[in-house]
C-alpha atoms as a PDB file:
ATOM      1  CA  MET A   1      64.098 167.016  55.983  1.00  0.00           C
ATOM      2  CA  ILE A   2      66.471 164.547  57.639  1.00  0.00           C
ATOM      3  CA  THR A   3      65.772 160.834  57.388  1.00  0.00           C
ATOM      4  CA  LEU A   4      66.760 159.037  60.579  1.00  0.00           C
ATOM      5  CA  ALA A   5      66.973 155.241  60.484  1.00  0.00           C
ATOM      6  CA  VAL A   6      66.692 153.616  63.917  1.00  0.00           C
ATOM      7  CA  ASP A   7      67.605 150.004  64.637  1.00  0.00           C
ATOM      8  CA  GLY A   8      64.353 148.748  66.186  1.00  0.00           C
ATOM      9  CA  ARG A   9      65.651 145.464  67.556  1.00  0.00           C
ATOM     10  CA  GLY A  10      64.913 146.588  71.104  1.00  0.00           C
ATOM     11  CA  LEU A  11      61.193 146.470  70.267  1.00  0.00           C
ATOM     12  CA  TRP A  12      61.085 142.734  69.603  1.00  0.00           C
ATOM     13  CA  ASP A  13      64.088 140.933  71.099  1.00  0.00           C
ATOM     14  CA  GLY A  14      62.863 140.804  74.706  1.00  0.00           C
ATOM     15  CA  SER A  15      64.018 144.316  75.580  1.00  0.00           C
ATOM     16  CA  GLN A  16      60.586 145.872  75.103  1.00  0.00           C
ATOM     17  CA  THR A  17      59.852 146.108  78.831  1.00  0.00           C
ATOM     18  CA  ARG A  18      63.438 146.795  79.901  1.00  0.00           C
ATOM     19  CA  GLY A  19      65.526 149.937  79.842  1.00  0.00           C
ATOM     20  CA  ILE A  20      66.497 149.799  76.160  1.00  0.00           C
ATOM     21  CA  GLY A  21      62.901 149.281  75.048  1.00  0.00           C
ATOM     22  CA  VAL A  22      61.636 152.098  77.271  1.00  0.00           C
ATOM     23  CA  TYR A  23      64.348 154.431  75.969  1.00  0.00           C
ATOM     24  CA  LEU A  24      63.637 153.558  72.332  1.00  0.00           C
ATOM     25  CA  THR A  25      59.882 154.017  72.752  1.00  0.00           C
ATOM     26  CA  GLN A  26      60.166 157.384  74.497  1.00  0.00           C
ATOM     27  CA  LEU A  27      62.715 158.619  71.958  1.00  0.00           C
ATOM     28  CA  VAL A  28      60.717 157.691  68.867  1.00  0.00           C
ATOM     29  CA  GLU A  29      57.460 159.026  70.295  1.00  0.00           C
ATOM     30  CA  GLY A  30      59.140 162.288  71.260  1.00  0.00           C
ATOM     31  CA  LEU A  31      60.604 162.807  67.803  1.00  0.00           C
ATOM     32  CA  ARG A  32      57.073 163.381  66.481  1.00  0.00           C
ATOM     33  CA  THR A  33      57.406 166.994  67.610  1.00  0.00           C
ATOM     34  CA  HIS A  34      60.459 167.516  65.398  1.00  0.00           C
ATOM     35  CA  ALA A  35      58.861 167.951  61.987  1.00  0.00           C
ATOM     36  CA  ASP A  36      62.169 168.166  60.123  1.00  0.00           C
ATOM     37  CA  ILE A  37      63.118 164.602  61.116  1.00  0.00           C
ATOM     38  CA  ARG A  38      61.572 161.618  59.402  1.00  0.00           C
ATOM     39  CA  THR A  39      61.982 158.652  61.740  1.00  0.00           C
ATOM     40  CA  VAL A  40      62.131 155.224  60.123  1.00  0.00           C
ATOM     41  CA  VAL A  41      62.347 152.203  62.434  1.00  0.00           C
ATOM     42  CA  LEU A  42      64.018 149.115  60.994  1.00  0.00           C
ATOM     43  CA  ALA A  43      62.010 146.292  62.534  1.00  0.00           C
ATOM     44  CA  ARG A  44      60.570 142.872  61.871  1.00  0.00           C
ATOM     45  CA  PRO A  45      57.090 142.852  60.278  1.00  0.00           C
ATOM     46  CA  GLY A  46      54.376 143.034  62.898  1.00  0.00           C
ATOM     47  CA  THR A  47      56.511 144.841  65.480  1.00  0.00           C
ATOM     48  CA  GLY A  48      54.446 147.252  67.553  1.00  0.00           C
ATOM     49  CA  LEU A  49      55.869 150.713  66.929  1.00  0.00           C
ATOM     50  CA  PRO A  50      55.648 153.867  69.030  1.00  0.00           C
ATOM     51  CA  ALA A  51      53.288 156.506  67.683  1.00  0.00           C
ATOM     52  CA  GLY A  52      54.760 158.632  64.915  1.00  0.00           C
ATOM     53  CA  ALA A  53      57.233 156.062  63.622  1.00  0.00           C
ATOM     54  CA  GLU A  54      57.447 154.705  60.093  1.00  0.00           C
ATOM     55  CA  LEU A  55      58.144 150.977  59.808  1.00  0.00           C
ATOM     56  CA  ARG A  56      60.734 149.621  57.409  1.00  0.00           C
ATOM     57  CA  PRO A  57      60.220 145.833  57.540  1.00  0.00           C
ATOM     58  CA  VAL A  58      63.491 143.933  57.816  1.00  0.00           C
ATOM     59  CA  ARG A  59      64.344 140.248  57.874  1.00  0.00           C
ATOM     60  CA  ARG A  60      65.604 139.164  61.279  1.00  0.00           C
ATOM     61  CA  SER A  61      65.551 135.692  62.766  1.00  0.00           C
ATOM     62  CA  THR A  62      64.234 134.893  66.237  1.00  0.00           C
ATOM     63  CA  ASN A  63      67.549 133.106  66.763  1.00  0.00           C
ATOM     64  CA  ARG A  64      69.919 135.624  68.342  1.00  0.00           C
ATOM     65  CA  ARG A  65      73.076 134.540  66.508  1.00  0.00           C
ATOM     66  CA  LEU A  66      71.340 134.413  63.159  1.00  0.00           C
ATOM     67  CA  ALA A  67      69.735 137.806  63.821  1.00  0.00           C
ATOM     68  CA  ASP A  68      73.213 139.211  64.552  1.00  0.00           C
ATOM     69  CA  LEU A  69      74.479 137.854  61.230  1.00  0.00           C
ATOM     70  CA  GLU A  70      71.508 139.280  59.329  1.00  0.00           C
ATOM     71  CA  HIS A  71      72.112 142.641  61.016  1.00  0.00           C
ATOM     72  CA  GLU A  72      75.717 142.562  59.838  1.00  0.00           C
ATOM     73  CA  LEU A  73      74.921 141.635  56.249  1.00  0.00           C
ATOM     74  CA  LEU A  74      71.647 143.420  55.545  1.00  0.00           C
ATOM     75  CA  LEU A  75      71.841 146.699  57.473  1.00  0.00           C
ATOM     76  CA  PRO A  76      73.936 148.653  54.923  1.00  0.00           C
ATOM     77  CA  ARG A  77      71.465 147.852  52.155  1.00  0.00           C
ATOM     78  CA  GLU A  78      68.488 148.697  54.407  1.00  0.00           C
ATOM     79  CA  LEU A  79      69.930 152.089  55.295  1.00  0.00           C
ATOM     80  CA  THR A  80      70.436 152.887  51.630  1.00  0.00           C
ATOM     81  CA  ALA A  81      66.922 151.709  50.745  1.00  0.00           C
ATOM     82  CA  VAL A  82      65.228 154.128  53.165  1.00  0.00           C
ATOM     83  CA  GLY A  83      67.442 157.051  52.070  1.00  0.00           C
ATOM     84  CA  ALA A  84      68.893 157.472  55.549  1.00  0.00           C
ATOM     85  CA  ASP A  85      70.965 160.543  56.325  1.00  0.00           C
ATOM     86  CA  VAL A  86      71.968 159.210  59.737  1.00  0.00           C
ATOM     87  CA  GLY A  87      71.540 155.925  61.587  1.00  0.00           C
ATOM     88  CA  HIS A  88      71.069 155.265  65.294  1.00  0.00           C
ATOM     89  CA  GLY A  89      71.577 152.042  67.240  1.00  0.00           C
ATOM     90  CA  PRO A  90      69.782 152.365  70.607  1.00  0.00           C
ATOM     91  CA  GLY A  91      70.675 148.829  71.667  1.00  0.00           C
ATOM     92  CA  GLN A  92      73.910 146.885  71.889  1.00  0.00           C
ATOM     93  CA  HIS A  93      74.566 145.943  68.273  1.00  0.00           C
ATOM     94  CA  PRO A  94      76.911 148.403  66.556  1.00  0.00           C
ATOM     95  CA  PRO A  95      77.180 147.547  62.856  1.00  0.00           C
ATOM     96  CA  ARG A  96      80.389 146.450  61.214  1.00  0.00           C
ATOM     97  CA  ARG A  97      79.857 149.057  58.530  1.00  0.00           C
ATOM     98  CA  ALA A  98      77.252 151.639  57.581  1.00  0.00           C
ATOM     99  CA  PRO A  99      76.928 153.792  54.441  1.00  0.00           C
ATOM    100  CA  VAL A 100      75.783 156.780  56.521  1.00  0.00           C
ATOM    101  CA  PRO A 101      77.047 158.336  59.778  1.00  0.00           C
ATOM    102  CA  TRP A 102      76.103 156.030  62.646  1.00  0.00           C
ATOM    103  CA  LEU A 103      75.354 156.938  66.262  1.00  0.00           C
ATOM    104  CA  GLN A 104      75.502 154.120  68.799  1.00  0.00           C
ATOM    105  CA  ASN A 105      74.312 153.918  72.393  1.00  0.00           C
ATOM    106  CA  VAL A 106      76.485 152.400  75.071  1.00  0.00           C
ATOM    107  CA  HIS A 107      74.255 152.054  78.111  1.00  0.00           C
ATOM    108  CA  ASP A 108      76.902 150.542  80.362  1.00  0.00           C
ATOM    109  CA  LEU A 109      80.132 148.561  80.283  1.00  0.00           C
ATOM    110  CA  THR A 110      79.500 146.488  83.398  1.00  0.00           C
ATOM    111  CA  PRO A 111      80.841 143.244  81.857  1.00  0.00           C
ATOM    112  CA  LEU A 112      84.259 144.901  81.466  1.00  0.00           C
ATOM    113  CA  THR A 113      84.434 146.067  85.072  1.00  0.00           C
ATOM    114  CA  TYR A 114      82.380 143.654  87.173  1.00  0.00           C
ATOM    115  CA  ASP A 115      84.347 140.503  87.911  1.00  0.00           C
ATOM    116  CA  ASP A 116      81.917 137.638  87.434  1.00  0.00           C
ATOM    117  CA  PRO A 117      82.360 134.530  85.247  1.00  0.00           C
ATOM    118  CA  THR A 118      78.844 134.996  83.860  1.00  0.00           C
ATOM    119  CA  TYR A 119      80.158 137.976  81.914  1.00  0.00           C
ATOM    120  CA  ALA A 120      83.067 136.204  80.203  1.00  0.00           C
ATOM    121  CA  GLY A 121      81.269 136.048  76.858  1.00  0.00           C
ATOM    122  CA  ASP A 122      80.076 139.646  77.124  1.00  0.00           C
ATOM    123  CA  ARG A 123      83.615 140.811  77.871  1.00  0.00           C
ATOM    124  CA  ARG A 124      84.875 139.149  74.709  1.00  0.00           C
ATOM    125  CA  ARG A 125      82.024 140.654  72.743  1.00  0.00           C
ATOM    126  CA  TRP A 126      82.719 144.213  73.961  1.00  0.00           C
ATOM    127  CA  ARG A 127      86.372 143.867  73.026  1.00  0.00           C
ATOM    128  CA  ARG A 128      85.341 142.783  69.516  1.00  0.00           C
ATOM    129  CA  MET A 129      82.887 145.669  69.267  1.00  0.00           C
ATOM    130  CA  ALA A 130      85.299 148.385  70.417  1.00  0.00           C
ATOM    131  CA  PRO A 131      86.742 149.052  66.923  1.00  0.00           C
ATOM    132  CA  ARG A 132      83.215 149.494  65.538  1.00  0.00           C
ATOM    133  CA  LEU A 133      82.419 152.053  68.214  1.00  0.00           C
ATOM    134  CA  ARG A 134      85.626 153.904  67.442  1.00  0.00           C
ATOM    135  CA  ARG A 135      84.472 154.158  63.806  1.00  0.00           C
ATOM    136  CA  ALA A 136      81.029 155.483  64.765  1.00  0.00           C
ATOM    137  CA  ALA A 137      80.177 159.135  64.239  1.00  0.00           C
ATOM    138  CA  GLY A 138      79.289 159.342  67.908  1.00  0.00           C
ATOM    139  CA  VAL A 139      78.474 157.374  71.046  1.00  0.00           C
ATOM    140  CA  ILE A 140      75.485 158.260  73.240  1.00  0.00           C
ATOM    141  CA  THR A 141      75.476 157.480  76.959  1.00  0.00           C
ATOM    142  CA  GLY A 142      73.012 158.230  79.733  1.00  0.00           C
ATOM    143  CA  SER A 143      75.450 159.439  82.390  1.00  0.00           C
ATOM    144  CA  ARG A 144      78.794 161.116  82.872  1.00  0.00           C
ATOM    145  CA  PHE A 145      79.968 157.959  84.607  1.00  0.00           C
ATOM    146  CA  SER A 146      79.241 155.841  81.528  1.00  0.00           C
ATOM    147  CA  ALA A 147      80.862 158.456  79.305  1.00  0.00           C
ATOM    148  CA  GLY A 148      84.046 158.140  81.344  1.00  0.00           C
ATOM    149  CA  GLN A 149      83.991 154.367  80.941  1.00  0.00           C
ATOM    150  CA  VAL A 150      83.457 154.653  77.184  1.00  0.00           C
ATOM    151  CA  HIS A 151      86.482 156.916  76.921  1.00  0.00           C
ATOM    152  CA  THR A 152      88.747 154.954  79.258  1.00  0.00           C
ATOM    153  CA  LEU A 153      87.806 151.371  78.398  1.00  0.00           C
ATOM    154  CA  LEU A 154      87.000 151.674  74.678  1.00  0.00           C
ATOM    155  CA  GLY A 155      89.268 154.522  73.661  1.00  0.00           C
ATOM    156  CA  ILE A 156      86.528 156.740  72.234  1.00  0.00           C
ATOM    157  CA  PRO A 157      87.588 160.413  72.033  1.00  0.00           C
ATOM    158  CA  THR A 158      85.616 162.601  74.431  1.00  0.00           C
ATOM    159  CA  ASP A 159      84.443 164.889  71.643  1.00  0.00           C
ATOM    160  CA  ARG A 160      82.515 161.980  70.125  1.00  0.00           C
ATOM    161  CA  ILE A 161      80.778 160.984  73.357  1.00  0.00           C
ATOM    162  CA  HIS A 162      77.397 162.592  74.049  1.00  0.00           C
ATOM    163  CA  VAL A 163      75.766 162.378  77.486  1.00  0.00           C
ATOM    164  CA  ILE A 164      71.975 162.510  77.279  1.00  0.00           C
ATOM    165  CA  ALA A 165      70.207 161.460  80.475  1.00  0.00           C
ATOM    166  CA  HIS A 166      67.034 159.406  80.395  1.00  0.00           C
ATOM    167  CA  ALA A 167      63.880 160.314  82.319  1.00  0.00           C
ATOM    168  CA  ALA A 168      60.690 158.886  83.744  1.00  0.00           C
ATOM    169  CA  GLY A 169      57.718 158.553  81.418  1.00  0.00           C
ATOM    170  CA  PRO A 170      54.502 160.550  81.926  1.00  0.00           C
ATOM    171  CA  ALA A 171      52.833 157.757  83.938  1.00  0.00           C
ATOM    172  CA  PHE A 172      55.370 158.164  86.737  1.00  0.00           C
ATOM    173  CA  ARG A 173      53.798 160.959  88.746  1.00  0.00           C
ATOM    174  CA  PRO A 174      52.512 161.275  92.332  1.00  0.00           C
ATOM    175  CA  THR A 175      48.757 160.864  92.756  1.00  0.00           C
ATOM    176  CA  GLY A 176      48.395 161.064  96.514  1.00  0.00           C
ATOM    177  CA  GLU A 177      47.962 157.330  97.033  1.00  0.00           C
ATOM    178  CA  ALA A 178      48.697 156.177 100.573  1.00  0.00           C
ATOM    179  CA  PRO A 179      51.394 153.556 101.162  1.00  0.00           C
ATOM    180  CA  ALA A 180      50.063 150.019 100.879  1.00  0.00           C
ATOM    181  CA  GLU A 181      48.875 147.951 103.810  1.00  0.00           C
ATOM    182  CA  PRO A 182      50.499 145.612 104.551  1.00  0.00           C
ATOM    183  CA  PRO A 183      53.542 147.740 103.675  1.00  0.00           C
ATOM    184  CA  TYR A 184      56.210 146.746 101.196  1.00  0.00           C
ATOM    185  CA  LEU A 185      59.556 147.810  99.867  1.00  0.00           C
ATOM    186  CA  LEU A 186      60.171 147.613  96.137  1.00  0.00           C
ATOM    187  CA  TYR A 187      63.035 146.408  93.960  1.00  0.00           C
ATOM    188  CA  VAL A 188      62.781 146.915  90.175  1.00  0.00           C
ATOM    189  CA  GLY A 189      65.091 145.237  87.696  1.00  0.00           C
ATOM    190  CA  ALA A 190      66.005 142.119  85.752  1.00  0.00           C
ATOM    191  CA  TRP A 191      68.522 139.673  87.166  1.00  0.00           C
ATOM    192  CA  GLY A 192      72.251 140.137  86.590  1.00  0.00           C
ATOM    193  CA  PRO A 193      75.279 139.191  88.689  1.00  0.00           C
ATOM    194  CA  HIS A 194      75.770 142.860  89.578  1.00  0.00           C
ATOM    195  CA  LYS A 195      72.163 143.725  90.363  1.00  0.00           C
ATOM    196  CA  GLY A 196      72.373 143.219  94.111  1.00  0.00           C
ATOM    197  CA  PHE A 197      69.472 140.815  94.592  1.00  0.00           C
ATOM    198  CA  ALA A 198      71.260 139.031  97.442  1.00  0.00           C
ATOM    199  CA  GLU A 199      71.868 142.349  99.209  1.00  0.00           C
ATOM    200  CA  ALA A 200      68.220 143.396  98.774  1.00  0.00           C
ATOM    201  CA  PHE A 201      67.041 140.071 100.201  1.00  0.00           C
ATOM    202  CA  ALA A 202      69.464 140.444 103.115  1.00  0.00           C
ATOM    203  CA  VAL A 203      68.108 143.944 103.846  1.00  0.00           C
ATOM    204  CA  VAL A 204      64.480 142.817 104.079  1.00  0.00           C
ATOM    205  CA  GLY A 205      65.565 139.848 106.188  1.00  0.00           C
ATOM    206  CA  ARG A 206      67.287 142.149 108.683  1.00  0.00           C
ATOM    207  CA  LEU A 207      64.232 144.384 108.848  1.00  0.00           C
ATOM    208  CA  ALA A 208      62.020 141.367 109.470  1.00  0.00           C
ATOM    209  CA  ASP A 209      64.263 140.247 112.317  1.00  0.00           C
ATOM    210  CA  LEU A 210      63.936 143.763 113.793  1.00  0.00           C
ATOM    211  CA  GLY A 211      60.154 143.449 113.818  1.00  0.00           C
ATOM    212  CA  TYR A 212      59.220 145.442 110.721  1.00  0.00           C
ATOM    213  CA  PRO A 213      56.261 144.011 108.770  1.00  0.00           C
ATOM    214  CA  HIS A 214      57.534 144.967 105.307  1.00  0.00           C
ATOM    215  CA  SER A 215      57.896 142.511 102.469  1.00  0.00           C
ATOM    216  CA  LEU A 216      60.060 143.083  99.407  1.00  0.00           C
ATOM    217  CA  LYS A 217      58.282 143.035  96.063  1.00  0.00           C
ATOM    218  CA  VAL A 218      60.562 142.366  93.084  1.00  0.00           C
ATOM    219  CA  ALA A 219      59.231 143.723  89.777  1.00  0.00           C
ATOM    220  CA  GLY A 220      60.756 143.403  86.332  1.00  0.00           C
ATOM    221  CA  HIS A 221      60.701 141.017  83.410  1.00  0.00           C
ATOM    222  CA  GLN A 222      62.805 137.915  84.008  1.00  0.00           C
ATOM    223  CA  ASP A 223      63.250 135.259  81.354  1.00  0.00           C
ATOM    224  CA  THR A 224      63.164 131.630  82.499  1.00  0.00           C
ATOM    225  CA  TRP A 225      66.898 131.473  83.184  1.00  0.00           C
ATOM    226  CA  MET A 226      66.899 134.785  85.075  1.00  0.00           C
ATOM    227  CA  ARG A 227      63.869 133.790  87.133  1.00  0.00           C
ATOM    228  CA  ALA A 228      65.660 130.619  88.223  1.00  0.00           C
ATOM    229  CA  ARG A 229      68.656 132.655  89.445  1.00  0.00           C
ATOM    230  CA  VAL A 230      66.389 134.964  91.455  1.00  0.00           C
ATOM    231  CA  GLU A 231      64.516 132.005  92.947  1.00  0.00           C
ATOM    232  CA  GLU A 232      67.820 130.415  93.970  1.00  0.00           C
ATOM    233  CA  LEU A 233      68.859 133.591  95.766  1.00  0.00           C
ATOM    234  CA  ARG A 234      65.496 133.885  97.461  1.00  0.00           C
ATOM    235  CA  ALA A 235      65.687 130.272  98.668  1.00  0.00           C
ATOM    236  CA  ARG A 236      69.078 131.002 100.267  1.00  0.00           C
ATOM    237  CA  SER A 237      68.004 134.341 101.751  1.00  0.00           C
ATOM    238  CA  PRO A 238      67.443 134.747 105.518  1.00  0.00           C
ATOM    239  CA  ARG A 239      63.682 135.343 105.217  1.00  0.00           C
ATOM    240  CA  PRO A 240      62.473 133.995 101.853  1.00  0.00           C
ATOM    241  CA  GLU A 241      58.830 134.328 102.905  1.00  0.00           C
ATOM    242  CA  ARG A 242      59.298 138.116 102.884  1.00  0.00           C
ATOM    243  CA  VAL A 243      60.324 138.226  99.203  1.00  0.00           C
ATOM    244  CA  GLU A 244      57.663 138.257  96.472  1.00  0.00           C
ATOM    245  CA  ILE A 245      58.821 137.929  92.863  1.00  0.00           C
ATOM    246  CA  LEU A 246      56.237 139.593  90.635  1.00  0.00           C
ATOM    247  CA  GLY A 247      57.868 139.516  87.211  1.00  0.00           C
ATOM    248  CA  TYR A 248      56.633 142.035  84.671  1.00  0.00           C
ATOM    249  CA  VAL A 249      54.038 144.471  86.058  1.00  0.00           C
ATOM    250  CA  ASP A 250      51.712 146.428  83.762  1.00  0.00           C
ATOM    251  CA  ASP A 251      51.112 149.359  86.118  1.00  0.00           C
ATOM    252  CA  LEU A 252      54.598 149.855  87.502  1.00  0.00           C
ATOM    253  CA  ALA A 253      53.888 153.474  88.432  1.00  0.00           C
ATOM    254  CA  ALA A 254      51.160 152.417  90.884  1.00  0.00           C
ATOM    255  CA  LEU A 255      53.558 149.906  92.429  1.00  0.00           C
ATOM    256  CA  TYR A 256      56.132 152.672  92.972  1.00  0.00           C
ATOM    257  CA  ARG A 257      53.567 155.037  94.478  1.00  0.00           C
ATOM    258  CA  ARG A 258      52.329 152.555  97.084  1.00  0.00           C
ATOM    259  CA  ALA A 259      55.793 151.344  98.103  1.00  0.00           C
ATOM    260  CA  THR A 260      57.267 152.664 101.334  1.00  0.00           C
ATOM    261  CA  ALA A 261      60.630 152.987  99.578  1.00  0.00           C
ATOM    262  CA  LEU A 262      62.579 151.786  96.559  1.00  0.00           C
ATOM    263  CA  VAL A 263      65.569 149.566  97.301  1.00  0.00           C
ATOM    264  CA  VAL A 264      68.394 150.153  94.794  1.00  0.00           C
ATOM    265  CA  SER A 265      71.001 147.606  95.853  1.00  0.00           C
ATOM    266  CA  SER A 266      72.611 147.230  92.437  1.00  0.00           C
ATOM    267  CA  ARG A 267      76.413 147.204  92.513  1.00  0.00           C
ATOM    268  CA  ALA A 268      76.821 148.757  89.059  1.00  0.00           C
ATOM    269  CA  GLU A 269      74.594 150.851  86.782  1.00  0.00           C
ATOM    270  CA  GLY A 270      75.126 152.843  83.610  1.00  0.00           C
ATOM    271  CA  PHE A 271      72.169 155.045  84.531  1.00  0.00           C
ATOM    272  CA  GLY A 272      69.550 153.645  86.930  1.00  0.00           C
ATOM    273  CA  LEU A 273      66.104 154.314  85.445  1.00  0.00           C
ATOM    274  CA  PRO A 274      64.104 152.732  88.332  1.00  0.00           C
ATOM    275  CA  ALA A 275      65.570 155.313  90.712  1.00  0.00           C
ATOM    276  CA  VAL A 276      64.393 158.152  88.463  1.00  0.00           C
ATOM    277  CA  GLU A 277      60.946 156.582  88.007  1.00  0.00           C
ATOM    278  CA  ALA A 278      60.539 156.153  91.766  1.00  0.00           C
ATOM    279  CA  MET A 279      61.661 159.714  92.465  1.00  0.00           C
ATOM    280  CA  ALA A 280      59.184 161.009  89.863  1.00  0.00           C
ATOM    281  CA  CYS A 281      56.430 159.237  91.828  1.00  0.00           C
ATOM    282  CA  GLY A 282      57.634 160.786  95.076  1.00  0.00           C
ATOM    283  CA  THR A 283      58.781 157.431  96.435  1.00  0.00           C
ATOM    284  CA  PRO A 284      61.775 157.547  98.804  1.00  0.00           C
ATOM    285  CA  VAL A 285      64.896 155.964  97.302  1.00  0.00           C
ATOM    286  CA  VAL A 286      67.732 154.299  99.204  1.00  0.00           C
ATOM    287  CA  ALA A 287      70.676 153.224  97.055  1.00  0.00           C
ATOM    288  CA  PHE A 288      74.257 152.080  97.209  1.00  0.00           C
ATOM    289  CA  ALA A 289      76.640 154.877  96.270  1.00  0.00           C
ATOM    290  CA  ASN A 290      78.362 153.451  93.213  1.00  0.00           C
ATOM    291  CA  THR A 291      78.838 153.946  89.457  1.00  0.00           C
ATOM    292  CA  ALA A 292      76.122 156.149  87.889  1.00  0.00           C
ATOM    293  CA  LEU A 293      73.760 155.810  90.858  1.00  0.00           C
ATOM    294  CA  THR A 294      75.642 158.458  92.833  1.00  0.00           C
ATOM    295  CA  GLU A 295      75.267 160.875  89.930  1.00  0.00           C
ATOM    296  CA  VAL A 296      71.618 160.060  89.177  1.00  0.00           C
ATOM    297  CA  VAL A 297      70.181 159.833  92.702  1.00  0.00           C
ATOM    298  CA  ASP A 298      72.303 162.666  94.106  1.00  0.00           C
ATOM    299  CA  GLU A 299      70.275 164.658  96.669  1.00  0.00           C
ATOM    300  CA  GLY A 300      67.018 162.980  95.624  1.00  0.00           C
ATOM    301  CA  GLY A 301      67.525 159.948  97.844  1.00  0.00           C
ATOM    302  CA  VAL A 302      69.704 158.401 100.510  1.00  0.00           C
ATOM    303  CA  LEU A 303      73.045 157.030  99.341  1.00  0.00           C
ATOM    304  CA  VAL A 304      74.914 154.574 101.563  1.00  0.00           C
ATOM    305  CA  ASP A 305      78.364 153.070 101.285  1.00  0.00           C
ATOM    306  CA  ASP A 306      78.534 150.560  98.458  1.00  0.00           C
ATOM    307  CA  GLY A 307      77.794 147.025  99.619  1.00  0.00           C
ATOM    308  CA  ASP A 308      77.179 147.994 103.266  1.00  0.00           C
ATOM    309  CA  VAL A 309      73.964 146.144 104.156  1.00  0.00           C
ATOM    310  CA  ASP A 310      74.030 147.423 107.751  1.00  0.00           C
ATOM    311  CA  ALA A 311      74.123 151.031 106.542  1.00  0.00           C
ATOM    312  CA  PHE A 312      71.319 150.274 104.082  1.00  0.00           C
ATOM    313  CA  VAL A 313      69.131 148.865 106.862  1.00  0.00           C
ATOM    314  CA  ALA A 314      69.880 151.854 109.084  1.00  0.00           C
ATOM    315  CA  ALA A 315      68.910 154.285 106.293  1.00  0.00           C
ATOM    316  CA  LEU A 316      65.648 152.462 105.649  1.00  0.00           C
ATOM    317  CA  ARG A 317      64.810 152.383 109.350  1.00  0.00           C
ATOM    318  CA  ARG A 318      64.958 156.179 109.451  1.00  0.00           C
ATOM    319  CA  VAL A 319      62.395 156.279 106.636  1.00  0.00           C
ATOM    320  CA  LEU A 320      60.194 153.584 108.168  1.00  0.00           C
ATOM    321  CA  ASP A 321      60.249 155.045 111.674  1.00  0.00           C
ATOM    322  CA  SER A 322      59.535 158.668 110.829  1.00  0.00           C
ATOM    323  CA  GLU A 323      56.674 159.979 108.728  1.00  0.00           C
ATOM    324  CA  ARG A 324      58.422 163.342 108.689  1.00  0.00           C
ATOM    325  CA  GLU A 325      61.581 161.732 107.264  1.00  0.00           C
ATOM    326  CA  ARG A 326      59.565 159.889 104.626  1.00  0.00           C
ATOM    327  CA  LEU A 327      57.731 163.042 103.514  1.00  0.00           C
ATOM    328  CA  GLU A 328      60.922 165.081 103.402  1.00  0.00           C
ATOM    329  CA  LEU A 329      62.627 162.413 101.300  1.00  0.00           C
ATOM    330  CA  SER A 330      59.585 162.266  99.027  1.00  0.00           C
ATOM    331  CA  GLN A 331      59.866 166.009  98.363  1.00  0.00           C
ATOM    332  CA  ARG A 332      63.583 165.697  97.670  1.00  0.00           C
ATOM    333  CA  ALA A 333      62.838 162.863  95.255  1.00  0.00           C
ATOM    334  CA  LEU A 334      60.299 164.926  93.329  1.00  0.00           C
ATOM    335  CA  ALA A 335      62.685 167.870  93.107  1.00  0.00           C
ATOM    336  CA  ARG A 336      65.470 165.656  91.791  1.00  0.00           C
ATOM    337  CA  ALA A 337      63.191 163.944  89.265  1.00  0.00           C
ATOM    338  CA  ARG A 338      62.361 167.303  87.702  1.00  0.00           C
ATOM    339  CA  SER A 339      65.965 167.600  86.536  1.00  0.00           C
ATOM    340  CA  PHE A 340      65.310 164.714  84.119  1.00  0.00           C
ATOM    341  CA  SER A 341      63.054 165.304  81.121  1.00  0.00           C
ATOM    342  CA  TRP A 342      62.251 163.216  78.059  1.00  0.00           C
ATOM    343  CA  GLU A 343      61.369 166.405  76.179  1.00  0.00           C
ATOM    344  CA  ARG A 344      64.867 167.775  76.767  1.00  0.00           C
ATOM    345  CA  ALA A 345      66.448 164.388  76.070  1.00  0.00           C
ATOM    346  CA  VAL A 346      64.633 164.025  72.736  1.00  0.00           C
ATOM    347  CA  ALA A 347      65.570 167.591  71.766  1.00  0.00           C
ATOM    348  CA  ALA A 348      69.229 166.806  72.487  1.00  0.00           C
ATOM    349  CA  HIS A 349      69.012 163.697  70.300  1.00  0.00           C
ATOM    350  CA  ALA A 350      67.360 165.705  67.510  1.00  0.00           C
ATOM    351  CA  ASP A 351      70.141 168.302  67.621  1.00  0.00           C
ATOM    352  CA  LEU A 352      72.722 165.521  67.455  1.00  0.00           C
ATOM    353  CA  TYR A 353      71.000 163.920  64.446  1.00  0.00           C
ATOM    354  CA  ARG A 354      70.968 167.260  62.625  1.00  0.00           C
ATOM    355  CA  ALA A 355      74.627 167.965  63.377  1.00  0.00           C
ATOM    356  CA  THR A 356      75.668 164.447  62.387  1.00  0.00           C
ATOM    357  CA  ALA A 357      73.719 164.518  59.121  1.00  0.00           C
ATOM    358  CA  SER A 358      75.129 167.911  58.185  1.00  0.00           C
ATOM    359  CA  SER A 359      78.682 166.642  58.663  1.00  0.00           C
ATOM    360  CA  ARG A 360      78.436 164.130  55.803  1.00  0.00           C
END
C-alpha cells in the first residue's frame, strides 16, 4: 500500500470552481479505483473533500501570505505524520523542502511569457520557485506545450516532466438539447490579462453589426477585482448590451449544450479545459491558434490565426449560417473529446505515484 499525500489547498483557496479545483477533485475521486493507493488530502478542517479521500486536518490561514508561510514551515511535519510515501502538489505552491519524493504540477507559465505589468509579481514568484521545481521528483503538466515551457524556462530535465492531459467530467455529455432561443455564444473562464475578453467582446460586437442576434454569455467565477476588470472591458466594448456576465454557473454543462458555439479567444493557455468540456458536449469550438490550444483543440474545432478578430468572426459566421457546418463541427468535437479521459489520466497519475514511491 502506497500512502499519497495531496496538498488540498485548491479545495478551499478560491480555486474550487476553477481548473485546479476541478483537476484535484477528478483526480482524488478517480484514485478510489486504485486500491493500492491510500489518498490523504492535507486540508483545512471542514473542507469538502471528493469521495474516497481521507482528510488530514492542517492549519492554514485565510490570509494568503500567512498560508504560504504555514505551508513552508508545517508541510514537512505533516507529510511525516501521515506516513506519506510520495507527495503531490496539484496547485502552484511547490514546497521548499519535503521529506518524501514530491511531484508538482505546473499548469502554465503564462506570467513568464505574456508581457503584461499585472504579472510582474507572478514573474518574480516563478523565478523564486524554479529551484524548488528542479529539486522535485517530477513535474506534471497537462500538455506538450506546457512541458516544453517547463523545460525551456525553468530548466527541468525532460525525463522528469510528465504530460498527463486533463478531460471533461461525466456531466459534460450531449443530451440532444436544441440551441437556445434567443441564441448565444459562450465564453468560459476567469479574468486574466491574457484571457482575450476584449477580443471576445469585439467578436460579438462585429456579429451584432452584421445583423446576427447572438449575445455572448460569460461564465466562470470572478472575484470582486476580476469582475471589475471584466465590467470595464464590457463598458468599452462596441456592443456592451450583447455581453452578459454570469459569474459562476452551477450547471455549466447545460450552458455549453445550448450555446451555438464556444468562443475561445484566450491568447495563452497551458491546457484549455473549457474547450475540452465544450467538445465533450458536442458544442462547436472556435479558438485562436496559440500555445496549448492548437494541441488540445486540434481537429475538434476551428482554429484561426492568433489575435485575428476578423478571421474569428468569419469562422463563426460559417457555423451560424449553416446547420450542416454546425452539425459537422459538433461531430468533430465529440470525436476529439473522446481522446481525453479522466480514467486514463488518473491511471497515469497512479503509475507515476507508484514509480516515484519505489524510487525512494
